[in-house]
Amino acid sequence: MGQEFENKTALVTGASRGIGAATAIALARAGVKRVVIHYGSYREGAEDTVAKIRAAGAEAEAMQADLGTSAGILRFVADLQGGAFKPDILVNNAGSLVKRARLPEFTPELFDTVIALNVKSLWFITQALAPHMIERGSGVVVNLSSVAARNGGGPGATMYSAAKAAVTTITKGLAKELAPKGVRVNAVSPGTVDNHFHEVFSTPEAMKNMLAATPAGRLGTNEEIAEVIVFICSDAARYVYGQTIEVNGGMLMV
């Protein structure tokens, strides 16, 4: 893939750890020339990701923004539009459950944060960068959904699962809109990945239950999700449009 991605640039949001970091590094190893990563608050992780991207032979830089607020999204979009950065690849990975909360304790503030981080940021970042892709007549957008979009999520994750369902639907709508202009839009939907997300939001008992429900007999890794994202960005997936690729060790079969 090295020659295929030669001279390409990429933006990966939410890339200070987890799937985002693994994806940014995997794109660099695949031959992408320049990878810009976004991070929210974990600066040390972002610096580590940048170092690993450079070690893989690509140029790298990090941009900080709080995508859980409208003001943060607008500032980040303004920074993107104010620079000369015109990525060939956009990976909208930034997202989080934020907090497990059932219906009685779910506040308007939490609702707004979940939707802003998982949906609103994706929409307006894509809106800001798609014109450059359209102008070139080529580009790839990959959005991160979740198996929660298919099963409603675990306890206290209803709005997160709803947000990820919106991501899946947005992916289809944007794919229809942008395909005639040379831009491919798809999504990846991870199942249970053994990473920081579940360290924060899932109990050991819940992880044990999810493992038992996974036919593959193990949880996924950040790198396995990243490899699927790189595939979708590649010419091998050139006829794939508007799809949400489920990567979950067979969890949806049961």
C-alpha atoms as a PDB file:
ATOM      1  CA  MET A   1       0.000   0.000   0.000  1.00  0.00           C
ATOM      2  CA  GLY A   2       2.995   2.320   0.346  1.00  0.00           C
ATOM      3  CA  GLN A   3       2.812   3.658  -3.200  1.00  0.00           C
ATOM      4  CA  GLU A   4      -0.962   3.907  -3.077  1.00  0.00           C
ATOM      5  CA  PHE A   5      -0.923   6.245  -0.083  1.00  0.00           C
ATOM      6  CA  GLU A   6       2.161   8.158  -1.186  1.00  0.00           C
ATOM      7  CA  ASN A   7       1.718  11.941  -0.862  1.00  0.00           C
ATOM      8  CA  LYS A   8      -1.661  11.466   0.855  1.00  0.00           C
ATOM      9  CA  THR A   9      -2.596  13.378   3.993  1.00  0.00           C
ATOM     10  CA  ALA A  10      -4.981  12.321   6.747  1.00  0.00           C
ATOM     11  CA  LEU A  11      -6.825  13.746   9.736  1.00  0.00           C
ATOM     12  CA  VAL A  12      -7.812  11.417  12.561  1.00  0.00           C
ATOM     13  CA  THR A  13      -9.904  12.820  15.395  1.00  0.00           C
ATOM     14  CA  GLY A  14      -9.767  11.448  18.915  1.00  0.00           C
ATOM     15  CA  ALA A  15      -6.306  10.015  18.349  1.00  0.00           C
ATOM     16  CA  SER A  16      -4.524  10.373  21.685  1.00  0.00           C
ATOM     17  CA  ARG A  17      -5.232   6.731  22.530  1.00  0.00           C
ATOM     18  CA  GLY A  18      -7.273   3.702  21.548  1.00  0.00           C
ATOM     19  CA  ILE A  19      -8.635   3.134  18.068  1.00  0.00           C
ATOM     20  CA  GLY A  20      -7.819   6.677  16.944  1.00  0.00           C
ATOM     21  CA  ALA A  21      -4.152   6.422  17.876  1.00  0.00           C
ATOM     22  CA  ALA A  22      -3.858   2.951  16.340  1.00  0.00           C
ATOM     23  CA  THR A  23      -5.477   4.227  13.137  1.00  0.00           C
ATOM     24  CA  ALA A  24      -3.187   7.255  12.833  1.00  0.00           C
ATOM     25  CA  ILE A  25      -0.126   5.044  13.282  1.00  0.00           C
ATOM     26  CA  ALA A  26      -1.452   2.395  10.877  1.00  0.00           C
ATOM     27  CA  LEU A  27      -2.048   5.013   8.179  1.00  0.00           C
ATOM     28  CA  ALA A  28       1.514   6.256   8.596  1.00  0.00           C
ATOM     29  CA  ARG A  29       2.845   2.707   8.296  1.00  0.00           C
ATOM     30  CA  ALA A  30       0.712   2.209   5.183  1.00  0.00           C
ATOM     31  CA  GLY A  31       2.549   5.090   3.528  1.00  0.00           C
ATOM     32  CA  VAL A  32       0.465   8.200   4.228  1.00  0.00           C
ATOM     33  CA  LYS A  33       2.799  11.181   3.985  1.00  0.00           C
ATOM     34  CA  ARG A  34       1.268  13.422   6.663  1.00  0.00           C
ATOM     35  CA  VAL A  35      -1.045  12.572   9.546  1.00  0.00           C
ATOM     36  CA  VAL A  36      -2.678  15.262  11.644  1.00  0.00           C
ATOM     37  CA  ILE A  37      -4.322  14.070  14.832  1.00  0.00           C
ATOM     38  CA  HIS A  38      -6.891  15.715  17.037  1.00  0.00           C
ATOM     39  CA  TYR A  39      -7.049  15.215  20.788  1.00  0.00           C
ATOM     40  CA  GLY A  40      -9.274  16.488  23.558  1.00  0.00           C
ATOM     41  CA  SER A  41      -7.466  16.557  26.898  1.00  0.00           C
ATOM     42  CA  TYR A  42      -4.894  13.750  26.914  1.00  0.00           C
ATOM     43  CA  ARG A  43      -1.878  15.704  25.673  1.00  0.00           C
ATOM     44  CA  GLU A  44       0.672  13.081  26.711  1.00  0.00           C
ATOM     45  CA  GLY A  45      -1.114  10.455  24.658  1.00  0.00           C
ATOM     46  CA  ALA A  46      -1.271  12.776  21.657  1.00  0.00           C
ATOM     47  CA  GLU A  47       2.464  13.429  21.901  1.00  0.00           C
ATOM     48  CA  ASP A  48       3.111   9.684  22.042  1.00  0.00           C
ATOM     49  CA  THR A  49       0.951   9.125  18.954  1.00  0.00           C
ATOM     50  CA  VAL A  50       2.783  11.879  17.081  1.00  0.00           C
ATOM     51  CA  ALA A  51       6.134  10.317  17.975  1.00  0.00           C
ATOM     52  CA  LYS A  52       5.010   6.910  16.706  1.00  0.00           C
ATOM     53  CA  ILE A  53       3.670   8.404  13.466  1.00  0.00           C
ATOM     54  CA  ARG A  54       7.034  10.064  12.861  1.00  0.00           C
ATOM     55  CA  ALA A  55       8.850   6.830  13.695  1.00  0.00           C
ATOM     56  CA  ALA A  56       6.750   5.190  10.968  1.00  0.00           C
ATOM     57  CA  GLY A  57       8.129   7.700   8.477  1.00  0.00           C
ATOM     58  CA  ALA A  58       5.291  10.227   8.179  1.00  0.00           C
ATOM     59  CA  GLU A  59       4.986  13.861   9.093  1.00  0.00           C
ATOM     60  CA  ALA A  60       2.767  14.461  12.129  1.00  0.00           C
ATOM     61  CA  GLU A  61       1.219  17.153  14.235  1.00  0.00           C
ATOM     62  CA  ALA A  62      -1.487  17.386  16.886  1.00  0.00           C
ATOM     63  CA  MET A  63      -4.406  19.794  17.237  1.00  0.00           C
ATOM     64  CA  GLN A  64      -6.362  20.186  20.468  1.00  0.00           C
ATOM     65  CA  ALA A  65     -10.075  20.911  20.727  1.00  0.00           C
ATOM     66  CA  ASP A  66     -12.984  20.087  23.001  1.00  0.00           C
ATOM     67  CA  LEU A  67     -15.421  18.527  20.551  1.00  0.00           C
ATOM     68  CA  GLY A  68     -17.971  17.975  23.304  1.00  0.00           C
ATOM     69  CA  THR A  69     -19.069  21.609  23.061  1.00  0.00           C
ATOM     70  CA  SER A  70     -20.411  23.687  20.186  1.00  0.00           C
ATOM     71  CA  ALA A  71     -17.785  26.347  20.868  1.00  0.00           C
ATOM     72  CA  GLY A  72     -15.007  23.774  20.713  1.00  0.00           C
ATOM     73  CA  ILE A  73     -16.312  22.343  17.452  1.00  0.00           C
ATOM     74  CA  LEU A  74     -16.570  25.801  15.875  1.00  0.00           C
ATOM     75  CA  ARG A  75     -13.043  26.695  16.976  1.00  0.00           C
ATOM     76  CA  PHE A  76     -11.619  23.464  15.598  1.00  0.00           C
ATOM     77  CA  VAL A  77     -13.428  23.913  12.291  1.00  0.00           C
ATOM     78  CA  ALA A  78     -12.131  27.480  12.079  1.00  0.00           C
ATOM     79  CA  ASP A  79      -8.585  26.243  12.706  1.00  0.00           C
ATOM     80  CA  LEU A  80      -8.966  23.666   9.936  1.00  0.00           C
ATOM     81  CA  GLN A  81     -10.365  26.186   7.492  1.00  0.00           C
ATOM     82  CA  GLY A  82      -7.753  28.777   8.392  1.00  0.00           C
ATOM     83  CA  GLY A  83      -4.828  26.525   7.507  1.00  0.00           C
ATOM     84  CA  ALA A  84      -3.511  25.005   4.325  1.00  0.00           C
ATOM     85  CA  PHE A  85      -4.316  21.471   5.458  1.00  0.00           C
ATOM     86  CA  LYS A  86      -6.505  19.688   2.905  1.00  0.00           C
ATOM     87  CA  PRO A  87      -6.641  15.999   3.836  1.00  0.00           C
ATOM     88  CA  ASP A  88      -7.292  13.202   1.395  1.00  0.00           C
ATOM     89  CA  ILE A  89      -8.505  11.005   4.271  1.00  0.00           C
ATOM     90  CA  LEU A  90     -10.744  11.966   7.186  1.00  0.00           C
ATOM     91  CA  VAL A  91     -11.342   9.543  10.035  1.00  0.00           C
ATOM     92  CA  ASN A  92     -14.065  10.815  12.367  1.00  0.00           C
ATOM     93  CA  ASN A  93     -13.124   8.766  15.406  1.00  0.00           C
ATOM     94  CA  ALA A  94     -13.697  11.232  18.254  1.00  0.00           C
ATOM     95  CA  GLY A  95     -16.501  10.027  20.499  1.00  0.00           C
ATOM     96  CA  SER A  96     -17.345   8.738  23.924  1.00  0.00           C
ATOM     97  CA  LEU A  97     -20.138   7.459  26.084  1.00  0.00           C
ATOM     98  CA  VAL A  98     -19.097  10.331  28.428  1.00  0.00           C
ATOM     99  CA  LYS A  99     -20.993   8.885  31.397  1.00  0.00           C
ATOM    100  CA  ARG A 100     -23.357   5.995  32.008  1.00  0.00           C
ATOM    101  CA  ALA A 101     -26.695   7.499  32.996  1.00  0.00           C
ATOM    102  CA  ARG A 102     -30.172   6.003  32.928  1.00  0.00           C
ATOM    103  CA  LEU A 103     -33.289   7.944  31.994  1.00  0.00           C
ATOM    104  CA  PRO A 104     -34.032   9.482  35.435  1.00  0.00           C
ATOM    105  CA  GLU A 105     -30.562  10.994  35.894  1.00  0.00           C
ATOM    106  CA  PHE A 106     -29.792  11.982  32.292  1.00  0.00           C
ATOM    107  CA  THR A 107     -29.389  15.779  32.252  1.00  0.00           C
ATOM    108  CA  PRO A 108     -29.821  18.166  29.309  1.00  0.00           C
ATOM    109  CA  GLU A 109     -26.144  19.056  29.655  1.00  0.00           C
ATOM    110  CA  LEU A 110     -25.067  15.429  29.330  1.00  0.00           C
ATOM    111  CA  PHE A 111     -27.407  14.971  26.356  1.00  0.00           C
ATOM    112  CA  ASP A 112     -25.819  17.943  24.573  1.00  0.00           C
ATOM    113  CA  THR A 113     -22.284  16.718  25.269  1.00  0.00           C
ATOM    114  CA  VAL A 114     -22.942  13.201  23.989  1.00  0.00           C
ATOM    115  CA  ILE A 115     -24.553  14.459  20.792  1.00  0.00           C
ATOM    116  CA  ALA A 116     -21.931  17.150  20.198  1.00  0.00           C
ATOM    117  CA  LEU A 117     -18.996  14.803  20.650  1.00  0.00           C
ATOM    118  CA  ASN A 118     -20.349  11.845  18.705  1.00  0.00           C
ATOM    119  CA  VAL A 119     -22.510  13.459  16.027  1.00  0.00           C
ATOM    120  CA  LYS A 120     -22.215  17.219  15.714  1.00  0.00           C
ATOM    121  CA  SER A 121     -18.416  17.245  15.522  1.00  0.00           C
ATOM    122  CA  LEU A 122     -18.438  14.582  12.812  1.00  0.00           C
ATOM    123  CA  TRP A 123     -20.950  16.500  10.734  1.00  0.00           C
ATOM    124  CA  PHE A 124     -19.264  19.904  10.841  1.00  0.00           C
ATOM    125  CA  ILE A 125     -15.704  18.624  10.476  1.00  0.00           C
ATOM    126  CA  THR A 126     -16.817  16.728   7.378  1.00  0.00           C
ATOM    127  CA  GLN A 127     -18.633  19.807   6.137  1.00  0.00           C
ATOM    128  CA  ALA A 128     -15.430  21.825   6.505  1.00  0.00           C
ATOM    129  CA  LEU A 129     -13.161  19.367   4.707  1.00  0.00           C
ATOM    130  CA  ALA A 130     -15.389  17.817   2.042  1.00  0.00           C
ATOM    131  CA  PRO A 131     -15.114  20.811  -0.334  1.00  0.00           C
ATOM    132  CA  HIS A 132     -11.364  20.192  -0.699  1.00  0.00           C
ATOM    133  CA  MET A 133     -12.027  16.558  -1.584  1.00  0.00           C
ATOM    134  CA  ILE A 134     -14.755  17.542  -4.018  1.00  0.00           C
ATOM    135  CA  GLU A 135     -12.406  20.042  -5.654  1.00  0.00           C
ATOM    136  CA  ARG A 136      -9.831  17.259  -6.193  1.00  0.00           C
ATOM    137  CA  GLY A 137     -12.498  14.770  -7.236  1.00  0.00           C
ATOM    138  CA  SER A 138     -11.303  12.237  -4.679  1.00  0.00           C
ATOM    139  CA  GLY A 139     -11.271  11.578  -0.947  1.00  0.00           C
ATOM    140  CA  VAL A 140     -12.263   9.147   1.756  1.00  0.00           C
ATOM    141  CA  VAL A 141     -14.276   9.706   4.923  1.00  0.00           C
ATOM    142  CA  VAL A 142     -14.501   6.975   7.556  1.00  0.00           C
ATOM    143  CA  ASN A 143     -16.834   7.409  10.521  1.00  0.00           C
ATOM    144  CA  LEU A 144     -16.725   5.383  13.725  1.00  0.00           C
ATOM    145  CA  SER A 145     -20.028   3.857  14.763  1.00  0.00           C
ATOM    146  CA  SER A 146     -20.453   1.093  17.350  1.00  0.00           C
ATOM    147  CA  VAL A 147     -22.161  -2.233  17.902  1.00  0.00           C
ATOM    148  CA  ALA A 148     -24.246  -0.236  20.395  1.00  0.00           C
ATOM    149  CA  ALA A 149     -26.016   1.300  17.396  1.00  0.00           C
ATOM    150  CA  ARG A 150     -27.385  -2.160  16.628  1.00  0.00           C
ATOM    151  CA  ASN A 151     -28.276  -3.393  20.109  1.00  0.00           C
ATOM    152  CA  GLY A 152     -29.092  -0.244  22.106  1.00  0.00           C
ATOM    153  CA  GLY A 153     -25.967  -0.394  24.237  1.00  0.00           C
ATOM    154  CA  GLY A 154     -25.542  -1.474  27.824  1.00  0.00           C
ATOM    155  CA  PRO A 155     -27.064   0.067  30.968  1.00  0.00           C
ATOM    156  CA  GLY A 156     -27.000   3.848  30.885  1.00  0.00           C
ATOM    157  CA  ALA A 157     -25.763   4.000  27.293  1.00  0.00           C
ATOM    158  CA  THR A 158     -29.014   4.697  25.450  1.00  0.00           C
ATOM    159  CA  MET A 159     -28.087   8.127  24.118  1.00  0.00           C
ATOM    160  CA  TYR A 160     -24.600   6.971  23.178  1.00  0.00           C
ATOM    161  CA  SER A 161     -26.112   4.128  21.168  1.00  0.00           C
ATOM    162  CA  ALA A 162     -28.573   6.566  19.597  1.00  0.00           C
ATOM    163  CA  ALA A 163     -25.693   8.863  18.651  1.00  0.00           C
ATOM    164  CA  LYS A 164     -23.820   5.981  17.035  1.00  0.00           C
ATOM    165  CA  ALA A 165     -26.976   4.981  15.162  1.00  0.00           C
ATOM    166  CA  ALA A 166     -27.050   8.551  13.854  1.00  0.00           C
ATOM    167  CA  VAL A 167     -23.464   8.104  12.691  1.00  0.00           C
ATOM    168  CA  THR A 168     -24.492   5.043  10.684  1.00  0.00           C
ATOM    169  CA  THR A 169     -27.391   6.914   9.084  1.00  0.00           C
ATOM    170  CA  ILE A 170     -25.304  10.007   8.371  1.00  0.00           C
ATOM    171  CA  THR A 171     -22.748   7.777   6.698  1.00  0.00           C
ATOM    172  CA  LYS A 172     -25.354   6.495   4.252  1.00  0.00           C
ATOM    173  CA  GLY A 173     -26.724   9.953   3.529  1.00  0.00           C
ATOM    174  CA  LEU A 174     -23.304  11.508   2.965  1.00  0.00           C
ATOM    175  CA  ALA A 175     -22.256   8.560   0.813  1.00  0.00           C
ATOM    176  CA  LYS A 176     -25.197   9.209  -1.519  1.00  0.00           C
ATOM    177  CA  GLU A 177     -24.447  12.923  -1.622  1.00  0.00           C
ATOM    178  CA  LEU A 178     -20.691  12.741  -2.117  1.00  0.00           C
ATOM    179  CA  ALA A 179     -20.221   9.601  -4.237  1.00  0.00           C
ATOM    180  CA  PRO A 180     -20.994  11.382  -7.523  1.00  0.00           C
ATOM    181  CA  LYS A 181     -18.289  13.898  -6.601  1.00  0.00           C
ATOM    182  CA  GLY A 182     -15.575  11.306  -6.118  1.00  0.00           C
ATOM    183  CA  VAL A 183     -15.675  11.070  -2.322  1.00  0.00           C
ATOM    184  CA  ARG A 184     -16.261   7.719  -0.604  1.00  0.00           C
ATOM    185  CA  VAL A 185     -17.951   7.684   2.798  1.00  0.00           C
ATOM    186  CA  ASN A 186     -18.151   4.571   4.968  1.00  0.00           C
ATOM    187  CA  ALA A 187     -18.207   3.626   8.630  1.00  0.00           C
ATOM    188  CA  VAL A 188     -16.623   1.047  10.887  1.00  0.00           C
ATOM    189  CA  SER A 189     -18.590  -0.347  13.814  1.00  0.00           C
ATOM    190  CA  PRO A 190     -16.381  -1.954  16.474  1.00  0.00           C
ATOM    191  CA  GLY A 191     -17.692  -4.524  18.878  1.00  0.00           C
ATOM    192  CA  THR A 192     -16.108  -4.849  22.305  1.00  0.00           C
ATOM    193  CA  VAL A 193     -12.480  -3.762  22.111  1.00  0.00           C
ATOM    194  CA  ASP A 194     -10.113  -4.322  25.001  1.00  0.00           C
ATOM    195  CA  ASN A 195      -9.066  -0.698  25.463  1.00  0.00           C
ATOM    196  CA  HIS A 196      -9.327   2.418  27.631  1.00  0.00           C
ATOM    197  CA  PHE A 197     -12.987   3.002  26.744  1.00  0.00           C
ATOM    198  CA  HIS A 198     -14.058  -0.141  28.553  1.00  0.00           C
ATOM    199  CA  GLU A 199     -11.587   0.416  31.369  1.00  0.00           C
ATOM    200  CA  VAL A 200     -13.566   3.575  32.104  1.00  0.00           C
ATOM    201  CA  PHE A 201     -17.130   2.545  31.301  1.00  0.00           C
ATOM    202  CA  SER A 202     -17.389  -1.217  31.798  1.00  0.00           C
ATOM    203  CA  THR A 203     -17.070  -3.397  34.894  1.00  0.00           C
ATOM    204  CA  PRO A 204     -14.996  -6.602  34.893  1.00  0.00           C
ATOM    205  CA  GLU A 205     -18.246  -8.548  35.109  1.00  0.00           C
ATOM    206  CA  ALA A 206     -19.641  -6.772  32.052  1.00  0.00           C
ATOM    207  CA  MET A 207     -16.461  -7.467  30.123  1.00  0.00           C
ATOM    208  CA  LYS A 208     -16.673 -11.126  31.089  1.00  0.00           C
ATOM    209  CA  ASN A 209     -20.246 -11.280  29.787  1.00  0.00           C
ATOM    210  CA  MET A 210     -19.305  -9.569  26.519  1.00  0.00           C
ATOM    211  CA  LEU A 211     -16.428 -11.981  26.054  1.00  0.00           C
ATOM    212  CA  ALA A 212     -18.812 -14.907  26.568  1.00  0.00           C
ATOM    213  CA  ALA A 213     -21.120 -13.440  23.891  1.00  0.00           C
ATOM    214  CA  THR A 214     -18.320 -13.162  21.327  1.00  0.00           C
ATOM    215  CA  PRO A 215     -17.993 -16.267  19.120  1.00  0.00           C
ATOM    216  CA  ALA A 216     -14.337 -15.474  18.370  1.00  0.00           C
ATOM    217  CA  GLY A 217     -13.606 -16.220  22.011  1.00  0.00           C
ATOM    218  CA  ARG A 218     -11.697 -13.008  22.637  1.00  0.00           C
ATOM    219  CA  LEU A 219     -12.128  -9.264  22.580  1.00  0.00           C
ATOM    220  CA  GLY A 220     -10.901  -7.098  19.741  1.00  0.00           C
ATOM    221  CA  THR A 221      -7.830  -4.883  19.683  1.00  0.00           C
ATOM    222  CA  ASN A 222      -7.342  -1.278  18.623  1.00  0.00           C
ATOM    223  CA  GLU A 223      -5.003  -2.448  15.887  1.00  0.00           C
ATOM    224  CA  GLU A 224      -7.579  -4.828  14.397  1.00  0.00           C
ATOM    225  CA  ILE A 225     -10.089  -1.992  14.027  1.00  0.00           C
ATOM    226  CA  ALA A 226      -7.383   0.274  12.607  1.00  0.00           C
ATOM    227  CA  GLU A 227      -6.464  -2.284   9.950  1.00  0.00           C
ATOM    228  CA  VAL A 228     -10.066  -2.364   8.722  1.00  0.00           C
ATOM    229  CA  ILE A 229     -10.102   1.433   8.554  1.00  0.00           C
ATOM    230  CA  VAL A 230      -6.903   1.435   6.488  1.00  0.00           C
ATOM    231  CA  PHE A 231      -8.481  -1.114   4.144  1.00  0.00           C
ATOM    232  CA  ILE A 232     -11.537   1.106   3.660  1.00  0.00           C
ATOM    233  CA  CYS A 233      -9.238   4.022   2.858  1.00  0.00           C
ATOM    234  CA  SER A 234      -7.371   1.967   0.271  1.00  0.00           C
ATOM    235  CA  ASP A 235      -8.051   1.360  -3.400  1.00  0.00           C
ATOM    236  CA  ALA A 236      -8.963  -2.236  -2.514  1.00  0.00           C
ATOM    237  CA  ALA A 237     -12.235  -0.764  -1.198  1.00  0.00           C
ATOM    238  CA  ARG A 238     -12.757   1.597  -4.123  1.00  0.00           C
ATOM    239  CA  TYR A 239     -16.266   0.252  -4.840  1.00  0.00           C
ATOM    240  CA  VAL A 240     -17.410   0.321  -1.205  1.00  0.00           C
ATOM    241  CA  TYR A 241     -19.821   3.177  -0.503  1.00  0.00           C
ATOM    242  CA  GLY A 242     -22.149   3.934   2.389  1.00  0.00           C
ATOM    243  CA  GLN A 243     -21.379   0.762   4.307  1.00  0.00           C
ATOM    244  CA  THR A 244     -21.000   0.230   8.024  1.00  0.00           C
ATOM    245  CA  ILE A 245     -18.458  -2.551   8.454  1.00  0.00           C
ATOM    246  CA  GLU A 246     -19.118  -4.555  11.625  1.00  0.00           C
ATOM    247  CA  VAL A 247     -15.905  -5.698  13.322  1.00  0.00           C
ATOM    248  CA  ASN A 248     -16.963  -7.581  16.436  1.00  0.00           C
ATOM    249  CA  GLY A 249     -15.669 -11.143  16.462  1.00  0.00           C
ATOM    250  CA  GLY A 250     -19.076 -12.435  15.412  1.00  0.00           C
ATOM    251  CA  MET A 251     -21.018 -10.864  18.296  1.00  0.00           C
ATOM    252  CA  LEU A 252     -23.957  -9.925  16.055  1.00  0.00           C
ATOM    253  CA  MET A 253     -24.436 -13.528  14.981  1.00  0.00           C
ATOM    254  CA  VAL A 254     -25.756 -14.527  18.413  1.00  0.00           C
END
